[in-house]
PDB file of N, CA and C in Angstrom:
ATOM      1  N   UNK A   1      64.540  -9.619  -0.297  1.00  0.00           N
ATOM      2  CA  UNK A   1      63.609  -8.907   0.556  1.00  0.00           C
ATOM      3  C   UNK A   1      62.318  -8.574  -0.182  1.00  0.00           C
ATOM      4  N   UNK A   2      62.452  -8.235  -1.458  1.00  0.00           N
ATOM      5  CA  UNK A   2      61.254  -7.936  -2.237  1.00  0.00           C
ATOM      6  C   UNK A   2      60.358  -9.159  -2.354  1.00  0.00           C
ATOM      7  N   UNK A   3      60.981 -10.323  -2.432  1.00  0.00           N
ATOM      8  CA  UNK A   3      60.225 -11.563  -2.578  1.00  0.00           C
ATOM      9  C   UNK A   3      59.327 -11.788  -1.366  1.00  0.00           C
ATOM     10  N   UNK A   4      59.833 -11.491  -0.177  1.00  0.00           N
ATOM     11  CA  UNK A   4      59.029 -11.643   1.032  1.00  0.00           C
ATOM     12  C   UNK A   4      57.838 -10.688   1.025  1.00  0.00           C
ATOM     13  N   UNK A   5      58.013  -9.504   0.498  1.00  0.00           N
ATOM     14  CA  UNK A   5      56.918  -8.538   0.392  1.00  0.00           C
ATOM     15  C   UNK A   5      55.824  -9.045  -0.533  1.00  0.00           C
ATOM     16  N   UNK A   6      56.228  -9.574  -1.685  1.00  0.00           N
ATOM     17  CA  UNK A   6      55.257 -10.100  -2.649  1.00  0.00           C
ATOM     18  C   UNK A   6      54.543 -11.335  -2.104  1.00  0.00           C
ATOM     19  N   UNK A   7      55.288 -12.192  -1.419  1.00  0.00           N
ATOM     20  CA  UNK A   7      54.684 -13.393  -0.843  1.00  0.00           C
ATOM     21  C   UNK A   7      53.699 -13.004   0.255  1.00  0.00           C
ATOM     22  N   UNK A   8      54.056 -12.037   1.057  1.00  0.00           N
ATOM     23  CA  UNK A   8      53.159 -11.574   2.104  1.00  0.00           C
ATOM     24  C   UNK A   8      51.888 -10.960   1.532  1.00  0.00           C
ATOM     25  N   UNK A   9      52.045 -10.159   0.479  1.00  0.00           N
ATOM     26  CA  UNK A   9      50.887  -9.563  -0.169  1.00  0.00           C
ATOM     27  C   UNK A   9      49.984 -10.630  -0.777  1.00  0.00           C
ATOM     28  N   UNK A  10      50.566 -11.604  -1.435  1.00  0.00           N
ATOM     29  CA  UNK A  10      49.805 -12.699  -2.030  1.00  0.00           C
ATOM     30  C   UNK A  10      49.084 -13.502  -0.954  1.00  0.00           C
ATOM     31  N   UNK A  11      49.757 -13.775   0.138  1.00  0.00           N
ATOM     32  CA  UNK A  11      49.145 -14.514   1.244  1.00  0.00           C
ATOM     33  C   UNK A  11      47.972 -13.733   1.841  1.00  0.00           C
ATOM     34  N   UNK A  12      48.130 -12.432   1.998  1.00  0.00           N
ATOM     35  CA  UNK A  12      47.044 -11.602   2.530  1.00  0.00           C
ATOM     36  C   UNK A  12      45.847 -11.604   1.590  1.00  0.00           C
ATOM     37  N   UNK A  13      46.101 -11.526   0.276  1.00  0.00           N
ATOM     38  CA  UNK A  13      45.010 -11.557  -0.689  1.00  0.00           C
ATOM     39  C   UNK A  13      44.276 -12.897  -0.676  1.00  0.00           C
ATOM     40  N   UNK A  14      45.009 -13.981  -0.515  1.00  0.00           N
ATOM     41  CA  UNK A  14      44.387 -15.305  -0.449  1.00  0.00           C
ATOM     42  C   UNK A  14      43.507 -15.411   0.790  1.00  0.00           C
ATOM     43  N   UNK A  15      43.995 -14.931   1.913  1.00  0.00           N
ATOM     44  CA  UNK A  15      43.232 -14.990   3.164  1.00  0.00           C
ATOM     45  C   UNK A  15      41.963 -14.149   3.048  1.00  0.00           C
ATOM     46  N   UNK A  16      42.073 -12.939   2.502  1.00  0.00           N
ATOM     47  CA  UNK A  16      40.905 -12.085   2.336  1.00  0.00           C
ATOM     48  C   UNK A  16      39.913 -12.725   1.370  1.00  0.00           C
ATOM     49  N   UNK A  17      40.409 -13.312   0.291  1.00  0.00           N
ATOM     50  CA  UNK A  17      39.533 -13.989  -0.664  1.00  0.00           C
ATOM     51  C   UNK A  17      38.772 -15.139  -0.026  1.00  0.00           C
ATOM     52  N   UNK A  18      39.445 -15.919   0.790  1.00  0.00           N
ATOM     53  CA  UNK A  18      38.782 -17.030   1.466  1.00  0.00           C
ATOM     54  C   UNK A  18      37.731 -16.539   2.459  1.00  0.00           C
ATOM     55  N   UNK A  19      38.030 -15.461   3.169  1.00  0.00           N
ATOM     56  CA  UNK A  19      37.063 -14.906   4.111  1.00  0.00           C
ATOM     57  C   UNK A  19      35.831 -14.355   3.397  1.00  0.00           C
ATOM     58  N   UNK A  20      36.053 -13.690   2.268  1.00  0.00           N
ATOM     59  CA  UNK A  20      34.928 -13.153   1.498  1.00  0.00           C
ATOM     60  C   UNK A  20      34.072 -14.303   0.968  1.00  0.00           C
ATOM     61  N   UNK A  21      34.722 -15.343   0.474  1.00  0.00           N
ATOM     62  CA  UNK A  21      33.979 -16.496  -0.047  1.00  0.00           C
ATOM     63  C   UNK A  21      33.148 -17.140   1.068  1.00  0.00           C
ATOM     64  N   UNK A  22      33.726 -17.240   2.253  1.00  0.00           N
ATOM     65  CA  UNK A  22      33.014 -17.836   3.378  1.00  0.00           C
ATOM     66  C   UNK A  22      31.812 -16.971   3.780  1.00  0.00           C
ATOM     67  N   UNK A  23      31.984 -15.652   3.795  1.00  0.00           N
ATOM     68  CA  UNK A  23      30.898 -14.750   4.159  1.00  0.00           C
ATOM     69  C   UNK A  23      29.775 -14.790   3.130  1.00  0.00           C
ATOM     70  N   UNK A  24      30.130 -14.800   1.855  1.00  0.00           N
ATOM     71  CA  UNK A  24      29.114 -14.810   0.812  1.00  0.00           C
ATOM     72  C   UNK A  24      28.374 -16.141   0.752  1.00  0.00           C
ATOM     73  N   UNK A  25      29.010 -17.209   1.145  1.00  0.00           N
ATOM     74  CA  UNK A  25      28.345 -18.506   1.148  1.00  0.00           C
ATOM     75  C   UNK A  25      27.261 -18.541   2.224  1.00  0.00           C
ATOM     76  N   UNK A  26      27.427 -17.822   3.302  1.00  0.00           N
ATOM     77  CA  UNK A  26      26.444 -17.788   4.373  1.00  0.00           C
ATOM     78  C   UNK A  26      25.276 -16.872   4.081  1.00  0.00           C
ATOM     79  N   UNK A  27      25.387 -16.032   3.049  1.00  0.00           N
ATOM     80  CA  UNK A  27      24.343 -15.081   2.709  1.00  0.00           C
ATOM     81  C   UNK A  27      23.661 -15.526   1.416  1.00  0.00           C
ATOM     82  N   UNK A  28      23.318 -16.782   1.329  1.00  0.00           N
ATOM     83  CA  UNK A  28      22.645 -17.300   0.145  1.00  0.00           C
ATOM     84  C   UNK A  28      21.203 -16.827   0.135  1.00  0.00           C
ATOM     85  N   UNK A  29      20.661 -16.638  -1.058  1.00  0.00           N
ATOM     86  CA  UNK A  29      19.277 -16.193  -1.199  1.00  0.00           C
ATOM     87  C   UNK A  29      18.338 -17.303  -0.740  1.00  0.00           C
ATOM     88  N   UNK A  30      17.294 -16.954  -0.002  1.00  0.00           N
ATOM     89  CA  UNK A  30      16.356 -17.987   0.450  1.00  0.00           C
ATOM     90  C   UNK A  30      15.601 -18.576  -0.739  1.00  0.00           C
ATOM     91  N   UNK A  31      15.337 -19.860  -0.655  1.00  0.00           N
ATOM     92  CA  UNK A  31      14.625 -20.556  -1.719  1.00  0.00           C
ATOM     93  C   UNK A  31      13.144 -20.581  -1.369  1.00  0.00           C
ATOM     94  N   UNK A  32      12.321 -20.095  -2.297  1.00  0.00           N
ATOM     95  CA  UNK A  32      10.878 -20.079  -2.074  1.00  0.00           C
ATOM     96  C   UNK A  32      10.298 -21.440  -2.409  1.00  0.00           C
ATOM     97  N   UNK A  33       9.381 -21.938  -1.604  1.00  0.00           N
ATOM     98  CA  UNK A  33       8.735 -23.207  -1.923  1.00  0.00           C
ATOM     99  C   UNK A  33       7.909 -23.082  -3.200  1.00  0.00           C
ATOM    100  N   UNK A  34       7.739 -24.188  -3.879  1.00  0.00           N
ATOM    101  CA  UNK A  34       6.972 -24.191  -5.115  1.00  0.00           C
ATOM    102  C   UNK A  34       5.519 -23.866  -4.804  1.00  0.00           C
ATOM    103  N   UNK A  35       4.934 -23.000  -5.617  1.00  0.00           N
ATOM    104  CA  UNK A  35       3.538 -22.640  -5.424  1.00  0.00           C
ATOM    105  C   UNK A  35       3.347 -21.376  -4.610  1.00  0.00           C
ATOM    106  N   UNK A  36       4.411 -20.849  -4.014  1.00  0.00           N
ATOM    107  CA  UNK A  36       4.323 -19.621  -3.235  1.00  0.00           C
ATOM    108  C   UNK A  36       4.577 -18.437  -4.163  1.00  0.00           C
ATOM    109  N   UNK A  37       3.686 -17.463  -4.206  1.00  0.00           N
ATOM    110  CA  UNK A  37       3.942 -16.312  -5.070  1.00  0.00           C
ATOM    111  C   UNK A  37       5.165 -15.545  -4.588  1.00  0.00           C
ATOM    112  N   UNK A  38       5.964 -15.057  -5.521  1.00  0.00           N
ATOM    113  CA  UNK A  38       7.215 -14.373  -5.177  1.00  0.00           C
ATOM    114  C   UNK A  38       6.953 -13.052  -4.473  1.00  0.00           C
ATOM    115  N   UNK A  39       5.851 -12.398  -4.769  1.00  0.00           N
ATOM    116  CA  UNK A  39       5.568 -11.084  -4.195  1.00  0.00           C
ATOM    117  C   UNK A  39       4.495 -11.172  -3.116  1.00  0.00           C
ATOM    118  N   UNK A  40       4.608 -12.127  -2.230  1.00  0.00           N
ATOM    119  CA  UNK A  40       3.583 -12.306  -1.201  1.00  0.00           C
ATOM    120  C   UNK A  40       3.534 -11.101  -0.266  1.00  0.00           C
ATOM    121  N   UNK A  41       4.695 -10.512   0.063  1.00  0.00           N
ATOM    122  CA  UNK A  41       4.709  -9.383   0.979  1.00  0.00           C
ATOM    123  C   UNK A  41       4.692  -8.043   0.283  1.00  0.00           C
ATOM    124  N   UNK A  42       4.695  -8.036  -1.042  1.00  0.00           N
ATOM    125  CA  UNK A  42       4.737  -6.788  -1.795  1.00  0.00           C
ATOM    126  C   UNK A  42       3.340  -6.186  -1.884  1.00  0.00           C
ATOM    127  N   UNK A  43       3.264  -4.877  -2.046  1.00  0.00           N
ATOM    128  CA  UNK A  43       1.954  -4.254  -2.204  1.00  0.00           C
ATOM    129  C   UNK A  43       1.316  -4.668  -3.526  1.00  0.00           C
ATOM    130  N   UNK A  44       0.025  -4.377  -3.665  1.00  0.00           N
ATOM    131  CA  UNK A  44      -0.720  -4.839  -4.831  1.00  0.00           C
ATOM    132  C   UNK A  44      -0.159  -4.273  -6.125  1.00  0.00           C
ATOM    133  N   UNK A  45       0.456  -3.100  -6.101  1.00  0.00           N
ATOM    134  CA  UNK A  45       0.977  -2.468  -7.314  1.00  0.00           C
ATOM    135  C   UNK A  45       2.264  -3.068  -7.809  1.00  0.00           C
ATOM    136  N   UNK A  46       2.932  -3.843  -7.033  1.00  0.00           N
ATOM    137  CA  UNK A  46       4.169  -4.460  -7.449  1.00  0.00           C
ATOM    138  C   UNK A  46       5.386  -3.644  -7.070  1.00  0.00           C
ATOM    139  N   UNK A  47       6.512  -4.093  -7.583  1.00  0.00           N
ATOM    140  CA  UNK A  47       7.790  -3.476  -7.224  1.00  0.00           C
ATOM    141  C   UNK A  47       7.915  -2.066  -7.776  1.00  0.00           C
ATOM    142  N   UNK A  48       7.381  -1.835  -8.971  1.00  0.00           N
ATOM    143  CA  UNK A  48       7.501  -0.508  -9.575  1.00  0.00           C
ATOM    144  C   UNK A  48       6.722   0.526  -8.763  1.00  0.00           C
ATOM    145  N   UNK A  49       5.538   0.172  -8.318  1.00  0.00           N
ATOM    146  CA  UNK A  49       4.731   1.095  -7.517  1.00  0.00           C
ATOM    147  C   UNK A  49       5.391   1.340  -6.164  1.00  0.00           C
ATOM    148  N   UNK A  50       5.951   0.302  -5.579  1.00  0.00           N
ATOM    149  CA  UNK A  50       6.624   0.457  -4.290  1.00  0.00           C
ATOM    150  C   UNK A  50       7.844   1.357  -4.444  1.00  0.00           C
ATOM    151  N   UNK A  51       8.592   1.176  -5.525  1.00  0.00           N
ATOM    152  CA  UNK A  51       9.762   2.008  -5.770  1.00  0.00           C
ATOM    153  C   UNK A  51       9.357   3.466  -5.943  1.00  0.00           C
ATOM    154  N   UNK A  52       8.291   3.695  -6.693  1.00  0.00           N
ATOM    155  CA  UNK A  52       7.806   5.060  -6.901  1.00  0.00           C
ATOM    156  C   UNK A  52       7.353   5.691  -5.585  1.00  0.00           C
ATOM    157  N   UNK A  53       6.693   4.914  -4.746  1.00  0.00           N
ATOM    158  CA  UNK A  53       6.220   5.418  -3.456  1.00  0.00           C
ATOM    159  C   UNK A  53       7.408   5.792  -2.562  1.00  0.00           C
ATOM    160  N   UNK A  54       8.431   4.970  -2.551  1.00  0.00           N
ATOM    161  CA  UNK A  54       9.620   5.262  -1.732  1.00  0.00           C
ATOM    162  C   UNK A  54      10.314   6.512  -2.241  1.00  0.00           C
ATOM    163  N   UNK A  55      10.404   6.659  -3.573  1.00  0.00           N
ATOM    164  CA  UNK A  55      11.027   7.851  -4.140  1.00  0.00           C
ATOM    165  C   UNK A  55      10.248   9.105  -3.748  1.00  0.00           C
ATOM    166  N   UNK A  56       8.927   9.025  -3.779  1.00  0.00           N
ATOM    167  CA  UNK A  56       8.112  10.175  -3.401  1.00  0.00           C
ATOM    168  C   UNK A  56       8.286  10.522  -1.927  1.00  0.00           C
ATOM    169  N   UNK A  57       8.370   9.508  -1.073  1.00  0.00           N
ATOM    170  CA  UNK A  57       8.566   9.756   0.354  1.00  0.00           C
ATOM    171  C   UNK A  57       9.914  10.419   0.611  1.00  0.00           C
ATOM    172  N   UNK A  58      10.949   9.963  -0.079  1.00  0.00           N
ATOM    173  CA  UNK A  58      12.278  10.558   0.096  1.00  0.00           C
ATOM    174  C   UNK A  58      12.271  12.000  -0.391  1.00  0.00           C
ATOM    175  N   UNK A  59      11.640  12.239  -1.536  1.00  0.00           N
ATOM    176  CA  UNK A  59      11.561  13.595  -2.073  1.00  0.00           C
ATOM    177  C   UNK A  59      10.830  14.519  -1.104  1.00  0.00           C
ATOM    178  N   UNK A  60       9.709  14.054  -0.548  1.00  0.00           N
ATOM    179  CA  UNK A  60       8.965  14.869   0.409  1.00  0.00           C
ATOM    180  C   UNK A  60       9.781  15.146   1.664  1.00  0.00           C
ATOM    181  N   UNK A  61      10.522  14.151   2.128  1.00  0.00           N
ATOM    182  CA  UNK A  61      11.351  14.331   3.325  1.00  0.00           C
ATOM    183  C   UNK A  61      12.455  15.348   3.068  1.00  0.00           C
ATOM    184  N   UNK A  62      13.085  15.261   1.900  1.00  0.00           N
ATOM    185  CA  UNK A  62      14.149  16.208   1.573  1.00  0.00           C
ATOM    186  C   UNK A  62      13.602  17.622   1.413  1.00  0.00           C
ATOM    187  N   UNK A  63      12.456  17.758   0.761  1.00  0.00           N
ATOM    188  CA  UNK A  63      11.848  19.076   0.614  1.00  0.00           C
ATOM    189  C   UNK A  63      11.497  19.675   1.977  1.00  0.00           C
ATOM    190  N   UNK A  64      10.960  18.864   2.860  1.00  0.00           N
ATOM    191  CA  UNK A  64      10.606  19.349   4.198  1.00  0.00           C
ATOM    192  C   UNK A  64      11.859  19.745   4.971  1.00  0.00           C
ATOM    193  N   UNK A  65      12.934  18.994   4.822  1.00  0.00           N
ATOM    194  CA  UNK A  65      14.169  19.306   5.537  1.00  0.00           C
ATOM    195  C   UNK A  65      14.786  20.606   5.026  1.00  0.00           C
ATOM    196  N   UNK A  66      14.720  20.822   3.727  1.00  0.00           N
ATOM    197  CA  UNK A  66      15.280  22.048   3.157  1.00  0.00           C
ATOM    198  C   UNK A  66      14.472  23.260   3.594  1.00  0.00           C
ATOM    199  N   UNK A  67      13.163  23.135   3.630  1.00  0.00           N
ATOM    200  CA  UNK A  67      12.320  24.263   4.011  1.00  0.00           C
ATOM    201  C   UNK A  67      12.383  24.538   5.505  1.00  0.00           C
ATOM    202  N   UNK A  68      12.594  23.544   6.317  1.00  0.00           N
ATOM    203  CA  UNK A  68      12.602  23.720   7.765  1.00  0.00           C
ATOM    204  C   UNK A  68      13.891  24.367   8.256  1.00  0.00           C
ATOM    205  N   UNK A  69      14.950  24.270   7.485  1.00  0.00           N
ATOM    206  CA  UNK A  69      16.232  24.792   7.961  1.00  0.00           C
ATOM    207  C   UNK A  69      16.572  26.080   7.227  1.00  0.00           C
ATOM    208  N   UNK A  70      16.549  27.209   7.918  1.00  0.00           N
ATOM    209  CA  UNK A  70      16.881  28.488   7.255  1.00  0.00           C
ATOM    210  C   UNK A  70      18.379  28.595   6.987  1.00  0.00           C
ATOM    211  N   UNK A  71      18.712  29.317   5.959  1.00  0.00           N
ATOM    212  CA  UNK A  71      20.122  29.516   5.616  1.00  0.00           C
ATOM    213  C   UNK A  71      20.760  30.499   6.599  1.00  0.00           C
ATOM    214  N   UNK A  72      21.992  30.232   6.997  1.00  0.00           N
ATOM    215  CA  UNK A  72      22.668  31.153   7.925  1.00  0.00           C
ATOM    216  C   UNK A  72      23.111  32.431   7.201  1.00  0.00           C
ATOM    217  N   UNK A  73      23.207  33.512   7.968  1.00  0.00           N
ATOM    218  CA  UNK A  73      23.700  34.772   7.411  1.00  0.00           C
ATOM    219  C   UNK A  73      25.201  34.704   7.247  1.00  0.00           C
ATOM    220  N   UNK A  74      25.725  35.371   6.237  1.00  0.00           N
ATOM    221  CA  UNK A  74      27.173  35.383   5.995  1.00  0.00           C
ATOM    222  C   UNK A  74      27.883  36.433   6.838  1.00  0.00           C
ATOM    223  N   UNK A  75      27.173  37.173   7.646  1.00  0.00           N
ATOM    224  CA  UNK A  75      27.781  38.249   8.449  1.00  0.00           C
ATOM    225  C   UNK A  75      28.595  37.707   9.544  1.00  0.00           C
TER     226      UNK A  75
END
């Protein structure tokens, strides 16, 4: 009986592995044509500037959310 449990578990892992492999094969990175700049849609500052801008926007949003919501009374 234990053997059937192990075989079933192994079979399930094989099936999940095949499904994951199939899904990842369909999500291949797009290939850029030769001569096309990699950052065509990026802002002039590059990835570092864009990352910094996103971090600042998130920080501002969180600060605004904290200030807009008053703390409840414990009474």
